[in-house]
Amino acid sequence: MVGAEKISGKDCHRACVRLASFHPVENEAPKPAPSKSAVFLRRGFSTLLLWGVVVTIFWSMVPAAYLGLIGVLAIISTMEYFKMLRADGVKCFPRFGIIVAILYCLLAYRGFLSGEKDIPHILDAAAIFIAVTGAFTLQLRYSIKGVEALLSVAANALGFIYIAFLFNFAARISFGLPGEGAVPGAFVLLWLLTVTKFTDMGAYLTGSLIGKHKMIPHISPGKTWEGFFGAIVFAQLAACGLYALLPGKLAALHSWPHVIALGFILAVLAVIGDLAESVVKRSVHAKDSGNMLPGIGGGLDLIDSICFTAPALWFYLVWFIPNIT
């Protein structure tokens, strides 16, 4: 044909692949989304299972068990984070990021097991320094393609700071507060976990039952303002209820005004922490960080709120409670 372009075999193959993508196989019907009741049952089962593990470790009062649970969740969540990035084609350095997280946990936990009350500031600074400079060093092997190089370094640094660094404030709370036994901050940690998870539960239940007004639909379409206020109410019930039951064990919280203030602060930050992970997941087109827990998702889906509430509780106690450390 006059004026027609010559089509190569490769071009023909690409065209066939594109056409095939528009005609799904007849027998492959899309899987129906699970009902709300099914999701609720799965979530309830996973929640009960997790609380069973937490309570067992709590009553054991074995320092290695506490640190083991915190460390395992931190490493699993870090691995999920980098897996999500790579699945969406985000250039990053997963092995390096995971190794930094593991070494940080091991060195920090070694100190706690030997009697230290806090992670040394020099270890925090060194870990952040290595996470940033190491990512830049690895990036030097590749050519610069716009902002991609900067994003790869930032993604690696964020992976360490957001997960391993922030989540390990739970370990600081466990061993750095005044109290009795081998894990002096155990009851304060239990209080933190209860308030945080009651916030999540309050948001979920209230939003599911009466939620109508979307909170931040461009980030998380399921979040509603009714759920947000339900989260605050549930958080206060947990914060005040546990403090009323165990005032002696929670003496580090000092008094009712601090308990109420912390209940509100932690509730707001738990919601923000959940939304922060939604930002990550929506940015890389992921529904859940993993499938470890039916109805909940992966490890990062489990600890996302704690990554924000644990540091906030630690800073509040250190700054506003006299002679706490």
C-alpha atoms as a PDB file:
ATOM      1  CA  MET A   1       0.000   0.000   0.000  1.00  0.00           C
ATOM      2  CA  VAL A   2       1.352   3.416  -0.943  1.00  0.00           C
ATOM      3  CA  GLY A   3       2.528   5.497   2.033  1.00  0.00           C
ATOM      4  CA  ALA A   4       1.960   2.715   4.559  1.00  0.00           C
ATOM      5  CA  GLU A   5       4.561   2.240   7.296  1.00  0.00           C
ATOM      6  CA  LYS A   6       6.310  -1.062   7.664  1.00  0.00           C
ATOM      7  CA  ILE A   7       5.251  -2.802  10.863  1.00  0.00           C
ATOM      8  CA  SER A   8       7.835  -4.860  12.685  1.00  0.00           C
ATOM      9  CA  GLY A   9       7.170  -8.098  14.512  1.00  0.00           C
ATOM     10  CA  LYS A  10       7.775  -6.400  17.870  1.00  0.00           C
ATOM     11  CA  ASP A  11       5.235  -3.655  17.082  1.00  0.00           C
ATOM     12  CA  CYS A  12       2.686  -6.282  16.101  1.00  0.00           C
ATOM     13  CA  HIS A  13       3.298  -8.159  19.355  1.00  0.00           C
ATOM     14  CA  ARG A  14       2.857  -4.995  21.458  1.00  0.00           C
ATOM     15  CA  ALA A  15      -0.390  -4.184  19.637  1.00  0.00           C
ATOM     16  CA  CYS A  16      -1.722  -7.665  20.307  1.00  0.00           C
ATOM     17  CA  VAL A  17      -0.877  -7.388  24.010  1.00  0.00           C
ATOM     18  CA  ARG A  18      -2.691  -4.050  24.268  1.00  0.00           C
ATOM     19  CA  LEU A  19      -5.760  -5.411  22.495  1.00  0.00           C
ATOM     20  CA  ALA A  20      -5.789  -8.478  24.720  1.00  0.00           C
ATOM     21  CA  SER A  21      -5.777  -6.287  27.827  1.00  0.00           C
ATOM     22  CA  PHE A  22      -9.128  -4.833  26.758  1.00  0.00           C
ATOM     23  CA  HIS A  23     -10.774  -8.257  26.487  1.00  0.00           C
ATOM     24  CA  PRO A  24     -10.605 -10.155  29.781  1.00  0.00           C
ATOM     25  CA  VAL A  25     -11.136 -13.869  29.760  1.00  0.00           C
ATOM     26  CA  GLU A  26     -14.843 -14.674  30.020  1.00  0.00           C
ATOM     27  CA  ASN A  27     -14.428 -17.103  32.908  1.00  0.00           C
ATOM     28  CA  GLU A  28     -12.429 -14.632  35.054  1.00  0.00           C
ATOM     29  CA  ALA A  29     -15.215 -12.715  36.769  1.00  0.00           C
ATOM     30  CA  PRO A  30     -14.111 -10.076  39.286  1.00  0.00           C
ATOM     31  CA  LYS A  31     -14.204 -11.260  42.865  1.00  0.00           C
ATOM     32  CA  PRO A  32     -17.059  -9.686  44.834  1.00  0.00           C
ATOM     33  CA  ALA A  33     -16.034  -7.378  47.656  1.00  0.00           C
ATOM     34  CA  PRO A  34     -16.534  -8.945  51.091  1.00  0.00           C
ATOM     35  CA  SER A  35     -19.586  -7.767  53.018  1.00  0.00           C
ATOM     36  CA  LYS A  36     -19.314  -5.465  56.029  1.00  0.00           C
ATOM     37  CA  SER A  37     -20.267  -8.334  58.340  1.00  0.00           C
ATOM     38  CA  ALA A  38     -17.528 -10.558  56.880  1.00  0.00           C
ATOM     39  CA  VAL A  39     -14.958  -7.791  57.258  1.00  0.00           C
ATOM     40  CA  PHE A  40     -16.126  -7.183  60.826  1.00  0.00           C
ATOM     41  CA  LEU A  41     -15.803 -10.886  61.720  1.00  0.00           C
ATOM     42  CA  ARG A  42     -12.314 -11.140  60.214  1.00  0.00           C
ATOM     43  CA  ARG A  43     -11.215  -7.966  61.919  1.00  0.00           C
ATOM     44  CA  GLY A  44     -12.691  -9.138  65.221  1.00  0.00           C
ATOM     45  CA  PHE A  45     -10.903 -12.482  65.014  1.00  0.00           C
ATOM     46  CA  SER A  46      -7.549 -10.834  64.227  1.00  0.00           C
ATOM     47  CA  THR A  47      -8.051  -8.306  67.026  1.00  0.00           C
ATOM     48  CA  LEU A  48      -8.800 -11.007  69.603  1.00  0.00           C
ATOM     49  CA  LEU A  49      -5.805 -13.014  68.447  1.00  0.00           C
ATOM     50  CA  LEU A  50      -3.518 -10.002  68.725  1.00  0.00           C
ATOM     51  CA  TRP A  51      -4.780  -9.048  72.157  1.00  0.00           C
ATOM     52  CA  GLY A  52      -4.213 -12.640  73.231  1.00  0.00           C
ATOM     53  CA  VAL A  53      -0.573 -12.366  72.185  1.00  0.00           C
ATOM     54  CA  VAL A  54      -0.201  -8.956  73.841  1.00  0.00           C
ATOM     55  CA  VAL A  55      -1.763 -10.090  77.123  1.00  0.00           C
ATOM     56  CA  THR A  56       0.385 -13.244  77.195  1.00  0.00           C
ATOM     57  CA  ILE A  57       3.569 -11.241  76.713  1.00  0.00           C
ATOM     58  CA  PHE A  58       2.369  -8.599  79.169  1.00  0.00           C
ATOM     59  CA  TRP A  59       1.814 -11.068  81.978  1.00  0.00           C
ATOM     60  CA  SER A  60       5.108 -12.817  81.295  1.00  0.00           C
ATOM     61  CA  MET A  61       7.049  -9.640  82.208  1.00  0.00           C
ATOM     62  CA  VAL A  62       9.992 -11.052  80.246  1.00  0.00           C
ATOM     63  CA  PRO A  63      11.984  -8.163  78.722  1.00  0.00           C
ATOM     64  CA  ALA A  64      13.075 -10.233  75.722  1.00  0.00           C
ATOM     65  CA  ALA A  65       9.424 -11.046  74.927  1.00  0.00           C
ATOM     66  CA  TYR A  66       8.459  -7.355  74.904  1.00  0.00           C
ATOM     67  CA  LEU A  67      11.417  -6.423  72.738  1.00  0.00           C
ATOM     68  CA  GLY A  68      10.866  -9.436  70.504  1.00  0.00           C
ATOM     69  CA  LEU A  69       7.296  -8.411  69.706  1.00  0.00           C
ATOM     70  CA  ILE A  70       8.234  -4.767  69.103  1.00  0.00           C
ATOM     71  CA  GLY A  71      11.214  -5.734  66.975  1.00  0.00           C
ATOM     72  CA  VAL A  72       9.349  -8.298  64.871  1.00  0.00           C
ATOM     73  CA  LEU A  73       6.560  -5.824  64.115  1.00  0.00           C
ATOM     74  CA  ALA A  74       9.069  -3.088  63.262  1.00  0.00           C
ATOM     75  CA  ILE A  75      11.009  -5.313  60.844  1.00  0.00           C
ATOM     76  CA  ILE A  76       7.916  -6.856  59.222  1.00  0.00           C
ATOM     77  CA  SER A  77       6.414  -3.390  58.726  1.00  0.00           C
ATOM     78  CA  THR A  78       9.663  -2.090  57.234  1.00  0.00           C
ATOM     79  CA  MET A  79       9.730  -4.999  54.784  1.00  0.00           C
ATOM     80  CA  GLU A  80       6.101  -4.343  53.824  1.00  0.00           C
ATOM     81  CA  TYR A  81       6.851  -0.664  53.266  1.00  0.00           C
ATOM     82  CA  PHE A  82       9.666  -1.362  50.801  1.00  0.00           C
ATOM     83  CA  LYS A  83       7.671  -4.140  49.131  1.00  0.00           C
ATOM     84  CA  MET A  84       4.822  -1.698  48.446  1.00  0.00           C
ATOM     85  CA  LEU A  85       7.245   0.818  46.980  1.00  0.00           C
ATOM     86  CA  ARG A  86       8.931  -1.693  44.709  1.00  0.00           C
ATOM     87  CA  ALA A  87       5.584  -3.136  43.572  1.00  0.00           C
ATOM     88  CA  ASP A  88       4.585   0.300  42.322  1.00  0.00           C
ATOM     89  CA  GLY A  89       7.892   0.862  40.557  1.00  0.00           C
ATOM     90  CA  VAL A  90       9.308   3.315  43.091  1.00  0.00           C
ATOM     91  CA  LYS A  91      13.086   3.215  42.977  1.00  0.00           C
ATOM     92  CA  CYS A  92      14.549   2.561  46.423  1.00  0.00           C
ATOM     93  CA  PHE A  93      17.095   0.412  48.233  1.00  0.00           C
ATOM     94  CA  PRO A  94      15.111  -2.163  50.260  1.00  0.00           C
ATOM     95  CA  ARG A  95      17.971  -4.342  51.456  1.00  0.00           C
ATOM     96  CA  PHE A  96      19.847  -1.375  52.823  1.00  0.00           C
ATOM     97  CA  GLY A  97      16.737   0.044  54.494  1.00  0.00           C
ATOM     98  CA  ILE A  98      15.862  -3.276  56.140  1.00  0.00           C
ATOM     99  CA  ILE A  99      19.443  -3.834  57.340  1.00  0.00           C
ATOM    100  CA  VAL A 100      19.546  -0.368  58.961  1.00  0.00           C
ATOM    101  CA  ALA A 101      16.256  -1.101  60.757  1.00  0.00           C
ATOM    102  CA  ILE A 102      17.470  -4.498  61.992  1.00  0.00           C
ATOM    103  CA  LEU A 103      20.804  -3.161  63.267  1.00  0.00           C
ATOM    104  CA  TYR A 104      19.079  -0.255  65.016  1.00  0.00           C
ATOM    105  CA  CYS A 105      16.699  -2.629  66.812  1.00  0.00           C
ATOM    106  CA  LEU A 106      19.449  -5.044  67.804  1.00  0.00           C
ATOM    107  CA  LEU A 107      21.723  -2.342  69.228  1.00  0.00           C
ATOM    108  CA  ALA A 108      18.862  -0.585  71.036  1.00  0.00           C
ATOM    109  CA  TYR A 109      17.526  -3.814  72.541  1.00  0.00           C
ATOM    110  CA  ARG A 110      20.970  -4.906  73.635  1.00  0.00           C
ATOM    111  CA  GLY A 111      21.103  -1.756  75.748  1.00  0.00           C
ATOM    112  CA  PHE A 112      17.685  -2.366  77.291  1.00  0.00           C
ATOM    113  CA  LEU A 113      18.556  -5.961  78.150  1.00  0.00           C
ATOM    114  CA  SER A 114      21.765  -4.800  79.828  1.00  0.00           C
ATOM    115  CA  GLY A 115      19.887  -2.355  82.068  1.00  0.00           C
ATOM    116  CA  GLU A 116      19.803   0.905  80.100  1.00  0.00           C
ATOM    117  CA  LYS A 117      16.652   3.021  80.460  1.00  0.00           C
ATOM    118  CA  ASP A 118      16.666   4.663  77.054  1.00  0.00           C
ATOM    119  CA  ILE A 119      18.064   4.354  73.561  1.00  0.00           C
ATOM    120  CA  PRO A 120      21.242   6.486  73.527  1.00  0.00           C
ATOM    121  CA  HIS A 121      20.855   9.702  71.556  1.00  0.00           C
ATOM    122  CA  ILE A 122      24.099   8.905  69.758  1.00  0.00           C
ATOM    123  CA  LEU A 123      22.509   5.699  68.415  1.00  0.00           C
ATOM    124  CA  ASP A 124      19.447   7.609  67.185  1.00  0.00           C
ATOM    125  CA  ALA A 125      21.634  10.213  65.468  1.00  0.00           C
ATOM    126  CA  ALA A 126      23.976   7.626  63.980  1.00  0.00           C
ATOM    127  CA  ALA A 127      21.101   5.539  62.591  1.00  0.00           C
ATOM    128  CA  ILE A 128      19.469   8.538  60.900  1.00  0.00           C
ATOM    129  CA  PHE A 129      22.867   9.644  59.580  1.00  0.00           C
ATOM    130  CA  ILE A 130      23.548   6.191  58.101  1.00  0.00           C
ATOM    131  CA  ALA A 131      20.030   5.919  56.645  1.00  0.00           C
ATOM    132  CA  VAL A 132      20.438   9.223  54.780  1.00  0.00           C
ATOM    133  CA  THR A 133      24.095   9.068  53.738  1.00  0.00           C
ATOM    134  CA  GLY A 134      23.835   5.384  52.818  1.00  0.00           C
ATOM    135  CA  ALA A 135      20.886   6.031  50.514  1.00  0.00           C
ATOM    136  CA  PHE A 136      22.737   8.917  48.832  1.00  0.00           C
ATOM    137  CA  THR A 137      25.802   6.720  48.419  1.00  0.00           C
ATOM    138  CA  LEU A 138      23.797   3.938  46.778  1.00  0.00           C
ATOM    139  CA  GLN A 139      22.112   6.471  44.506  1.00  0.00           C
ATOM    140  CA  LEU A 140      25.524   7.538  43.137  1.00  0.00           C
ATOM    141  CA  ARG A 141      25.590   4.375  41.026  1.00  0.00           C
ATOM    142  CA  TYR A 142      22.705   5.596  38.863  1.00  0.00           C
ATOM    143  CA  SER A 143      22.222   8.473  36.460  1.00  0.00           C
ATOM    144  CA  ILE A 144      20.013  11.391  37.427  1.00  0.00           C
ATOM    145  CA  LYS A 145      16.553  11.292  35.881  1.00  0.00           C
ATOM    146  CA  GLY A 146      14.731  14.340  37.131  1.00  0.00           C
ATOM    147  CA  VAL A 147      13.475  14.120  40.699  1.00  0.00           C
ATOM    148  CA  GLU A 148      13.617  10.308  40.759  1.00  0.00           C
ATOM    149  CA  ALA A 149      17.025  10.231  42.456  1.00  0.00           C
ATOM    150  CA  LEU A 150      15.909  12.559  45.236  1.00  0.00           C
ATOM    151  CA  LEU A 151      12.721  10.563  45.781  1.00  0.00           C
ATOM    152  CA  SER A 152      14.635   7.292  46.078  1.00  0.00           C
ATOM    153  CA  VAL A 153      16.835   8.728  48.833  1.00  0.00           C
ATOM    154  CA  ALA A 154      13.836  10.299  50.594  1.00  0.00           C
ATOM    155  CA  ALA A 155      11.848   7.055  50.383  1.00  0.00           C
ATOM    156  CA  ASN A 156      14.642   5.119  52.086  1.00  0.00           C
ATOM    157  CA  ALA A 157      15.165   7.681  54.839  1.00  0.00           C
ATOM    158  CA  LEU A 158      11.409   7.851  55.465  1.00  0.00           C
ATOM    159  CA  GLY A 159      11.214   4.064  55.707  1.00  0.00           C
ATOM    160  CA  PHE A 160      13.574   4.053  58.687  1.00  0.00           C
ATOM    161  CA  ILE A 161      12.346   7.177  60.493  1.00  0.00           C
ATOM    162  CA  TYR A 162       8.628   6.515  60.006  1.00  0.00           C
ATOM    163  CA  ILE A 163       8.675   2.877  61.118  1.00  0.00           C
ATOM    164  CA  ALA A 164      11.715   1.575  63.011  1.00  0.00           C
ATOM    165  CA  PHE A 165      12.613   4.866  64.692  1.00  0.00           C
ATOM    166  CA  LEU A 166       9.137   6.068  65.682  1.00  0.00           C
ATOM    167  CA  PHE A 167       7.693   2.669  66.586  1.00  0.00           C
ATOM    168  CA  ASN A 168      10.571   1.913  68.946  1.00  0.00           C
ATOM    169  CA  PHE A 169       9.337   4.631  71.271  1.00  0.00           C
ATOM    170  CA  ALA A 170       7.168   1.745  72.511  1.00  0.00           C
ATOM    171  CA  ALA A 171      10.391   0.150  73.761  1.00  0.00           C
ATOM    172  CA  ARG A 172      11.415   3.423  75.393  1.00  0.00           C
ATOM    173  CA  ILE A 173       8.106   3.531  77.255  1.00  0.00           C
ATOM    174  CA  SER A 174       8.502  -0.090  78.356  1.00  0.00           C
ATOM    175  CA  PHE A 175      11.930   0.380  79.952  1.00  0.00           C
ATOM    176  CA  GLY A 176      12.432   4.115  80.482  1.00  0.00           C
ATOM    177  CA  LEU A 177       9.631   4.959  82.927  1.00  0.00           C
ATOM    178  CA  PRO A 178       9.625   4.499  86.705  1.00  0.00           C
ATOM    179  CA  GLY A 179       7.990   1.346  87.973  1.00  0.00           C
ATOM    180  CA  GLU A 180       8.508  -2.093  89.395  1.00  0.00           C
ATOM    181  CA  GLY A 181       9.768  -5.264  87.786  1.00  0.00           C
ATOM    182  CA  ALA A 182      11.950  -6.032  84.798  1.00  0.00           C
ATOM    183  CA  VAL A 183       9.671  -4.010  82.504  1.00  0.00           C
ATOM    184  CA  PRO A 184       8.831  -0.929  84.613  1.00  0.00           C
ATOM    185  CA  GLY A 185       6.729   0.799  81.949  1.00  0.00           C
ATOM    186  CA  ALA A 186       4.647  -2.269  81.080  1.00  0.00           C
ATOM    187  CA  PHE A 187       1.346  -0.886  82.382  1.00  0.00           C
ATOM    188  CA  VAL A 188       1.873   2.479  80.708  1.00  0.00           C
ATOM    189  CA  LEU A 189       2.568   0.661  77.437  1.00  0.00           C
ATOM    190  CA  LEU A 190      -0.597  -1.380  77.920  1.00  0.00           C
ATOM    191  CA  TRP A 191      -2.502   1.862  78.574  1.00  0.00           C
ATOM    192  CA  LEU A 192      -1.059   3.369  75.386  1.00  0.00           C
ATOM    193  CA  LEU A 193      -2.003   0.346  73.276  1.00  0.00           C
ATOM    194  CA  THR A 194      -5.512   0.273  74.733  1.00  0.00           C
ATOM    195  CA  VAL A 195      -6.141   3.973  74.096  1.00  0.00           C
ATOM    196  CA  THR A 196      -4.727   3.765  70.584  1.00  0.00           C
ATOM    197  CA  LYS A 197      -6.679   0.686  69.598  1.00  0.00           C
ATOM    198  CA  PHE A 198      -9.886   1.943  71.220  1.00  0.00           C
ATOM    199  CA  THR A 199      -9.458   5.031  69.056  1.00  0.00           C
ATOM    200  CA  ASP A 200      -9.258   2.851  65.950  1.00  0.00           C
ATOM    201  CA  MET A 201     -12.202   0.754  67.129  1.00  0.00           C
ATOM    202  CA  GLY A 202     -14.298   3.811  67.978  1.00  0.00           C
ATOM    203  CA  ALA A 203     -13.646   5.344  64.569  1.00  0.00           C
ATOM    204  CA  TYR A 204     -14.487   2.090  62.805  1.00  0.00           C
ATOM    205  CA  LEU A 205     -17.664   1.270  64.737  1.00  0.00           C
ATOM    206  CA  THR A 206     -19.077   4.786  64.825  1.00  0.00           C
ATOM    207  CA  GLY A 207     -18.201   5.451  61.208  1.00  0.00           C
ATOM    208  CA  SER A 208     -19.741   2.151  60.091  1.00  0.00           C
ATOM    209  CA  LEU A 209     -22.964   2.699  62.034  1.00  0.00           C
ATOM    210  CA  ILE A 210     -23.731   6.396  61.644  1.00  0.00           C
ATOM    211  CA  GLY A 211     -20.968   7.852  59.489  1.00  0.00           C
ATOM    212  CA  LYS A 212     -22.310  10.180  56.779  1.00  0.00           C
ATOM    213  CA  HIS A 213     -20.023  13.191  56.478  1.00  0.00           C
ATOM    214  CA  LYS A 214     -16.747  12.377  54.749  1.00  0.00           C
ATOM    215  CA  MET A 215     -13.692  13.568  56.631  1.00  0.00           C
ATOM    216  CA  ILE A 216     -10.871  13.476  54.068  1.00  0.00           C
ATOM    217  CA  PRO A 217     -12.275  11.639  51.034  1.00  0.00           C
ATOM    218  CA  HIS A 218      -9.252  12.361  48.832  1.00  0.00           C
ATOM    219  CA  ILE A 219      -7.071  10.405  51.290  1.00  0.00           C
ATOM    220  CA  SER A 220      -9.403   7.859  52.869  1.00  0.00           C
ATOM    221  CA  PRO A 221     -12.962   7.684  51.489  1.00  0.00           C
ATOM    222  CA  GLY A 222     -14.164   5.588  54.424  1.00  0.00           C
ATOM    223  CA  LYS A 223     -13.252   8.077  57.171  1.00  0.00           C
ATOM    224  CA  THR A 224     -16.095  10.239  58.483  1.00  0.00           C
ATOM    225  CA  TRP A 225     -16.394  13.061  61.001  1.00  0.00           C
ATOM    226  CA  GLU A 226     -18.805  10.914  63.010  1.00  0.00           C
ATOM    227  CA  GLY A 227     -16.089   8.267  63.182  1.00  0.00           C
ATOM    228  CA  PHE A 228     -13.555  10.872  64.274  1.00  0.00           C
ATOM    229  CA  PHE A 229     -15.659  12.057  67.208  1.00  0.00           C
ATOM    230  CA  GLY A 230     -16.467   8.445  68.068  1.00  0.00           C
ATOM    231  CA  ALA A 231     -12.726   7.783  68.161  1.00  0.00           C
ATOM    232  CA  ILE A 232     -12.213  10.596  70.693  1.00  0.00           C
ATOM    233  CA  VAL A 233     -15.032   9.304  72.910  1.00  0.00           C
ATOM    234  CA  PHE A 234     -13.716   5.725  72.855  1.00  0.00           C
ATOM    235  CA  ALA A 235     -10.185   6.958  73.565  1.00  0.00           C
ATOM    236  CA  GLN A 236     -11.349   8.855  76.642  1.00  0.00           C
ATOM    237  CA  LEU A 237     -13.306   5.839  77.854  1.00  0.00           C
ATOM    238  CA  ALA A 238     -10.182   3.693  77.589  1.00  0.00           C
ATOM    239  CA  ALA A 239      -7.826   6.316  79.034  1.00  0.00           C
ATOM    240  CA  CYS A 240      -9.977   7.207  82.018  1.00  0.00           C
ATOM    241  CA  GLY A 241     -11.321   3.709  82.581  1.00  0.00           C
ATOM    242  CA  LEU A 242      -7.904   2.074  82.842  1.00  0.00           C
ATOM    243  CA  TYR A 243      -6.534   4.896  84.979  1.00  0.00           C
ATOM    244  CA  ALA A 244      -9.476   4.544  87.376  1.00  0.00           C
ATOM    245  CA  LEU A 245      -8.885   0.788  87.628  1.00  0.00           C
ATOM    246  CA  LEU A 246      -5.085   0.925  87.969  1.00  0.00           C
ATOM    247  CA  PRO A 247      -4.073   4.283  89.457  1.00  0.00           C
ATOM    248  CA  GLY A 248      -1.064   2.814  91.242  1.00  0.00           C
ATOM    249  CA  LYS A 249       0.263   0.972  88.196  1.00  0.00           C
ATOM    250  CA  LEU A 250      -0.243   4.094  86.054  1.00  0.00           C
ATOM    251  CA  ALA A 251       1.300   6.555  88.508  1.00  0.00           C
ATOM    252  CA  ALA A 252       3.597   7.783  85.731  1.00  0.00           C
ATOM    253  CA  LEU A 253       0.564   9.517  84.194  1.00  0.00           C
ATOM    254  CA  HIS A 254       0.510  11.628  87.388  1.00  0.00           C
ATOM    255  CA  SER A 255      -3.114  12.886  87.584  1.00  0.00           C
ATOM    256  CA  TRP A 256      -6.529  13.102  85.951  1.00  0.00           C
ATOM    257  CA  PRO A 257      -5.858  16.311  83.979  1.00  0.00           C
ATOM    258  CA  HIS A 258      -2.862  14.664  82.324  1.00  0.00           C
ATOM    259  CA  VAL A 259      -4.846  11.500  81.595  1.00  0.00           C
ATOM    260  CA  ILE A 260      -7.660  13.456  79.945  1.00  0.00           C
ATOM    261  CA  ALA A 261      -5.248  15.634  77.976  1.00  0.00           C
ATOM    262  CA  LEU A 262      -3.290  12.598  76.808  1.00  0.00           C
ATOM    263  CA  GLY A 263      -6.501  10.787  75.866  1.00  0.00           C
ATOM    264  CA  PHE A 264      -7.411  13.619  73.519  1.00  0.00           C
ATOM    265  CA  ILE A 265      -3.882  14.064  72.101  1.00  0.00           C
ATOM    266  CA  LEU A 266      -3.403  10.364  71.472  1.00  0.00           C
ATOM    267  CA  ALA A 267      -6.826  10.033  69.842  1.00  0.00           C
ATOM    268  CA  VAL A 268      -6.086  12.820  67.364  1.00  0.00           C
ATOM    269  CA  LEU A 269      -2.621  11.441  66.603  1.00  0.00           C
ATOM    270  CA  ALA A 270      -3.956   7.892  66.203  1.00  0.00           C
ATOM    271  CA  VAL A 271      -6.339   9.155  63.517  1.00  0.00           C
ATOM    272  CA  ILE A 272      -3.531  11.128  61.847  1.00  0.00           C
ATOM    273  CA  GLY A 273      -1.270   8.072  62.026  1.00  0.00           C
ATOM    274  CA  ASP A 274      -3.903   5.965  60.294  1.00  0.00           C
ATOM    275  CA  LEU A 275      -4.335   8.635  57.620  1.00  0.00           C
ATOM    276  CA  ALA A 276      -0.560   8.928  57.210  1.00  0.00           C
ATOM    277  CA  GLU A 277      -0.391   5.289  56.224  1.00  0.00           C
ATOM    278  CA  SER A 278      -3.295   5.898  53.853  1.00  0.00           C
ATOM    279  CA  VAL A 279      -1.147   8.559  52.181  1.00  0.00           C
ATOM    280  CA  VAL A 280       1.607   5.979  51.712  1.00  0.00           C
ATOM    281  CA  LYS A 281      -0.740   3.280  50.417  1.00  0.00           C
ATOM    282  CA  ARG A 282      -2.652   5.546  48.033  1.00  0.00           C
ATOM    283  CA  SER A 283       0.608   6.961  46.717  1.00  0.00           C
ATOM    284  CA  VAL A 284       1.767   3.483  45.701  1.00  0.00           C
ATOM    285  CA  HIS A 285      -1.712   2.150  44.822  1.00  0.00           C
ATOM    286  CA  ALA A 286      -1.840  -0.446  47.607  1.00  0.00           C
ATOM    287  CA  LYS A 287      -4.992  -1.450  49.503  1.00  0.00           C
ATOM    288  CA  ASP A 288      -3.185  -2.966  52.499  1.00  0.00           C
ATOM    289  CA  SER A 289       0.447  -3.094  53.515  1.00  0.00           C
ATOM    290  CA  GLY A 290       0.238  -6.897  53.617  1.00  0.00           C
ATOM    291  CA  ASN A 291      -2.076  -9.825  54.305  1.00  0.00           C
ATOM    292  CA  MET A 292      -0.684 -11.080  57.593  1.00  0.00           C
ATOM    293  CA  LEU A 293      -3.875 -10.305  59.544  1.00  0.00           C
ATOM    294  CA  PRO A 294      -7.318 -11.063  58.025  1.00  0.00           C
ATOM    295  CA  GLY A 295      -9.557  -8.002  58.172  1.00  0.00           C
ATOM    296  CA  ILE A 296      -6.706  -5.728  59.251  1.00  0.00           C
ATOM    297  CA  GLY A 297      -3.957  -6.193  56.685  1.00  0.00           C
ATOM    298  CA  GLY A 298      -0.246  -6.256  57.356  1.00  0.00           C
ATOM    299  CA  GLY A 299       2.067  -5.282  60.169  1.00  0.00           C
ATOM    300  CA  LEU A 300       2.169  -1.631  59.141  1.00  0.00           C
ATOM    301  CA  ASP A 301      -1.640  -1.521  59.087  1.00  0.00           C
ATOM    302  CA  LEU A 302      -1.459  -2.685  62.703  1.00  0.00           C
ATOM    303  CA  ILE A 303       1.162  -0.274  64.046  1.00  0.00           C
ATOM    304  CA  ASP A 304       0.561   2.826  61.905  1.00  0.00           C
ATOM    305  CA  SER A 305      -1.224   4.690  64.715  1.00  0.00           C
ATOM    306  CA  ILE A 306       1.283   3.571  67.366  1.00  0.00           C
ATOM    307  CA  CYS A 307       4.106   5.078  65.305  1.00  0.00           C
ATOM    308  CA  PHE A 308       2.557   8.466  66.145  1.00  0.00           C
ATOM    309  CA  THR A 309       1.039   7.888  69.585  1.00  0.00           C
ATOM    310  CA  ALA A 310       4.070   6.222  71.244  1.00  0.00           C
ATOM    311  CA  PRO A 311       6.479   9.146  70.571  1.00  0.00           C
ATOM    312  CA  ALA A 312       3.781  11.647  71.619  1.00  0.00           C
ATOM    313  CA  LEU A 313       3.225   9.888  74.955  1.00  0.00           C
ATOM    314  CA  TRP A 314       6.969   9.700  75.618  1.00  0.00           C
ATOM    315  CA  PHE A 315       7.526  13.392  74.831  1.00  0.00           C
ATOM    316  CA  TYR A 316       4.536  14.437  76.928  1.00  0.00           C
ATOM    317  CA  LEU A 317       5.692  12.474  79.959  1.00  0.00           C
ATOM    318  CA  VAL A 318       9.284  13.721  79.669  1.00  0.00           C
ATOM    319  CA  TRP A 319       8.322  17.363  79.127  1.00  0.00           C
ATOM    320  CA  PHE A 320       5.267  17.799  81.360  1.00  0.00           C
ATOM    321  CA  ILE A 321       5.513  15.232  84.175  1.00  0.00           C
ATOM    322  CA  PRO A 322       8.096  16.170  86.835  1.00  0.00           C
ATOM    323  CA  ASN A 323      10.952  13.734  87.522  1.00  0.00           C
ATOM    324  CA  ILE A 324       9.569  11.098  85.185  1.00  0.00           C
ATOM    325  CA  THR A 325      12.960   9.877  83.912  1.00  0.00           C
END
